[in-house]
Amino acid sequence: MLVTGAFAAAKEMGFHVPEDVPVIGFDDVEQTTMFRPHVTTLVQPCREIGFRAMELLKGLLHGRVAPHRELPAHHLAQRESTQPCRQSILDFAACISGR
């Protein structure tokens, strides 16, 4: 839940999410919708990744050649933490660096 740190840091610097700073998380954990704004996240199919990993391991243990690596589809769950910003990313970078 590093995204909570991003929210806190933005607030501490006087920025608002998403008006000033968009925030995007990864993994779509349950907590992303427990506070406002709800966090936009990149969703990965954890169950499918685990299943494929075990199938690969089973095959290797039985002497089969590993199949070509293929990543399961990921998708973006767009929520409230990403919307058009009032400032450019350069303005934000200058602000956080103290310039």
C-alpha atoms as a PDB file:
ATOM      1  CA  MET A   1       0.000   0.000   0.000  1.00  0.00           C
ATOM      2  CA  LEU A   2       2.694   2.469  -1.008  1.00  0.00           C
ATOM      3  CA  VAL A   3      -0.056   4.521  -2.571  1.00  0.00           C
ATOM      4  CA  THR A   4      -1.157   5.695   0.893  1.00  0.00           C
ATOM      5  CA  GLY A   5       2.317   7.204   1.299  1.00  0.00           C
ATOM      6  CA  ALA A   6       1.904   8.977  -2.034  1.00  0.00           C
ATOM      7  CA  PHE A   7      -1.416  10.422  -0.860  1.00  0.00           C
ATOM      8  CA  ALA A   8       0.129  11.564   2.434  1.00  0.00           C
ATOM      9  CA  ALA A   9       3.171  13.118   0.733  1.00  0.00           C
ATOM     10  CA  ALA A  10       0.985  14.982  -1.759  1.00  0.00           C
ATOM     11  CA  LYS A  11      -1.161  16.340   1.071  1.00  0.00           C
ATOM     12  CA  GLU A  12       1.904  17.321   3.094  1.00  0.00           C
ATOM     13  CA  MET A  13       3.210  19.329   0.118  1.00  0.00           C
ATOM     14  CA  GLY A  14      -0.140  21.041  -0.391  1.00  0.00           C
ATOM     15  CA  PHE A  15      -1.260  19.013  -3.410  1.00  0.00           C
ATOM     16  CA  HIS A  16      -4.621  17.367  -3.918  1.00  0.00           C
ATOM     17  CA  VAL A  17      -5.184  13.956  -5.532  1.00  0.00           C
ATOM     18  CA  PRO A  18      -6.244  13.859  -8.358  1.00  0.00           C
ATOM     19  CA  GLU A  19      -6.658  17.580  -9.086  1.00  0.00           C
ATOM     20  CA  ASP A  20      -2.934  18.359  -8.784  1.00  0.00           C
ATOM     21  CA  VAL A  21      -1.297  14.934  -8.779  1.00  0.00           C
ATOM     22  CA  PRO A  22      -2.637  11.709 -10.285  1.00  0.00           C
ATOM     23  CA  VAL A  23      -1.877   8.512  -8.337  1.00  0.00           C
ATOM     24  CA  ILE A  24      -1.841   5.013  -9.815  1.00  0.00           C
ATOM     25  CA  GLY A  25      -1.308   1.823  -7.814  1.00  0.00           C
ATOM     26  CA  PHE A  26      -0.480  -1.729  -8.775  1.00  0.00           C
ATOM     27  CA  ASP A  27      -2.211  -5.023  -7.911  1.00  0.00           C
ATOM     28  CA  ASP A  28      -5.737  -3.761  -7.167  1.00  0.00           C
ATOM     29  CA  VAL A  29      -5.691  -4.802  -3.534  1.00  0.00           C
ATOM     30  CA  GLU A  30      -8.964  -4.537  -1.655  1.00  0.00           C
ATOM     31  CA  GLN A  31      -7.904  -1.403   0.219  1.00  0.00           C
ATOM     32  CA  THR A  32      -7.805   0.692  -2.981  1.00  0.00           C
ATOM     33  CA  THR A  33     -11.537   1.326  -2.631  1.00  0.00           C
ATOM     34  CA  MET A  34     -11.605   1.733   1.154  1.00  0.00           C
ATOM     35  CA  PHE A  35     -10.691   5.431   1.122  1.00  0.00           C
ATOM     36  CA  ARG A  36     -11.323   8.427  -1.119  1.00  0.00           C
ATOM     37  CA  PRO A  37     -10.408   9.042  -3.782  1.00  0.00           C
ATOM     38  CA  HIS A  38     -10.564   5.428  -4.920  1.00  0.00           C
ATOM     39  CA  VAL A  39      -7.209   4.481  -6.415  1.00  0.00           C
ATOM     40  CA  THR A  40      -6.692   3.766 -10.108  1.00  0.00           C
ATOM     41  CA  THR A  41      -4.692   0.541 -10.305  1.00  0.00           C
ATOM     42  CA  LEU A  42      -3.044  -1.774 -12.774  1.00  0.00           C
ATOM     43  CA  VAL A  43      -4.757  -5.120 -12.274  1.00  0.00           C
ATOM     44  CA  GLN A  44      -2.821  -8.320 -12.774  1.00  0.00           C
ATOM     45  CA  PRO A  45      -4.478 -11.748 -12.745  1.00  0.00           C
ATOM     46  CA  CYS A  46      -2.652 -13.136  -9.681  1.00  0.00           C
ATOM     47  CA  ARG A  47      -4.527 -16.446  -9.627  1.00  0.00           C
ATOM     48  CA  GLU A  48      -3.760 -17.113 -13.294  1.00  0.00           C
ATOM     49  CA  ILE A  49      -0.097 -16.157 -12.846  1.00  0.00           C
ATOM     50  CA  GLY A  50       0.177 -18.547  -9.887  1.00  0.00           C
ATOM     51  CA  PHE A  51      -1.558 -21.333 -11.801  1.00  0.00           C
ATOM     52  CA  ARG A  52       0.752 -20.931 -14.793  1.00  0.00           C
ATOM     53  CA  ALA A  53       3.802 -20.870 -12.523  1.00  0.00           C
ATOM     54  CA  MET A  54       2.781 -24.159 -10.900  1.00  0.00           C
ATOM     55  CA  GLU A  55       2.099 -25.761 -14.285  1.00  0.00           C
ATOM     56  CA  LEU A  56       5.544 -24.673 -15.446  1.00  0.00           C
ATOM     57  CA  LEU A  57       7.166 -26.051 -12.291  1.00  0.00           C
ATOM     58  CA  LYS A  58       5.328 -29.368 -12.638  1.00  0.00           C
ATOM     59  CA  GLY A  59       6.490 -29.660 -16.231  1.00  0.00           C
ATOM     60  CA  LEU A  60      10.080 -28.926 -15.318  1.00  0.00           C
ATOM     61  CA  LEU A  61      10.000 -31.503 -12.516  1.00  0.00           C
ATOM     62  CA  HIS A  62       8.778 -34.104 -15.022  1.00  0.00           C
ATOM     63  CA  GLY A  63      11.490 -33.253 -17.550  1.00  0.00           C
ATOM     64  CA  ARG A  64       9.324 -31.338 -20.011  1.00  0.00           C
ATOM     65  CA  VAL A  65      10.749 -28.366 -21.830  1.00  0.00           C
ATOM     66  CA  ALA A  66       9.455 -25.059 -20.544  1.00  0.00           C
ATOM     67  CA  PRO A  67       6.888 -23.497 -22.883  1.00  0.00           C
ATOM     68  CA  HIS A  68       7.347 -20.043 -24.352  1.00  0.00           C
ATOM     69  CA  ARG A  69       6.764 -17.408 -21.684  1.00  0.00           C
ATOM     70  CA  GLU A  70       3.491 -15.625 -22.060  1.00  0.00           C
ATOM     71  CA  LEU A  71       2.156 -12.970 -19.730  1.00  0.00           C
ATOM     72  CA  PRO A  72      -1.530 -13.034 -18.835  1.00  0.00           C
ATOM     73  CA  ALA A  73      -3.457  -9.909 -19.764  1.00  0.00           C
ATOM     74  CA  HIS A  74      -3.300  -6.964 -17.381  1.00  0.00           C
ATOM     75  CA  HIS A  75      -5.756  -4.080 -17.390  1.00  0.00           C
ATOM     76  CA  LEU A  76      -6.155  -0.636 -15.874  1.00  0.00           C
ATOM     77  CA  ALA A  77      -8.975  -0.136 -13.377  1.00  0.00           C
ATOM     78  CA  GLN A  78      -9.489   3.605 -13.737  1.00  0.00           C
ATOM     79  CA  ARG A  79     -10.957   5.203 -10.647  1.00  0.00           C
ATOM     80  CA  GLU A  80     -10.991   8.588  -8.921  1.00  0.00           C
ATOM     81  CA  SER A  81      -7.254   9.101  -8.282  1.00  0.00           C
ATOM     82  CA  THR A  82      -6.520   9.951 -11.920  1.00  0.00           C
ATOM     83  CA  GLN A  83      -8.082  12.937 -13.608  1.00  0.00           C
ATOM     84  CA  PRO A  84      -6.769  15.898 -15.594  1.00  0.00           C
ATOM     85  CA  CYS A  85      -4.192  17.886 -13.623  1.00  0.00           C
ATOM     86  CA  ARG A  86      -4.125  21.648 -13.247  1.00  0.00           C
ATOM     87  CA  GLN A  87      -0.318  21.725 -13.279  1.00  0.00           C
ATOM     88  CA  SER A  88       2.135  20.184 -15.671  1.00  0.00           C
ATOM     89  CA  ILE A  89       4.419  17.411 -14.453  1.00  0.00           C
ATOM     90  CA  LEU A  90       7.349  19.843 -14.829  1.00  0.00           C
ATOM     91  CA  ASP A  91       5.716  22.263 -12.387  1.00  0.00           C
ATOM     92  CA  PHE A  92       5.199  19.405  -9.931  1.00  0.00           C
ATOM     93  CA  ALA A  93       8.811  18.207 -10.336  1.00  0.00           C
ATOM     94  CA  ALA A  94      10.086  21.717  -9.699  1.00  0.00           C
ATOM     95  CA  CYS A  95       7.881  22.019  -6.624  1.00  0.00           C
ATOM     96  CA  ILE A  96       9.033  18.798  -5.002  1.00  0.00           C
ATOM     97  CA  SER A  97      12.688  19.589  -5.727  1.00  0.00           C
ATOM     98  CA  GLY A  98      12.325  23.032  -4.117  1.00  0.00           C
ATOM     99  CA  ARG A  99      12.892  25.066  -7.299  1.00  0.00           C
END
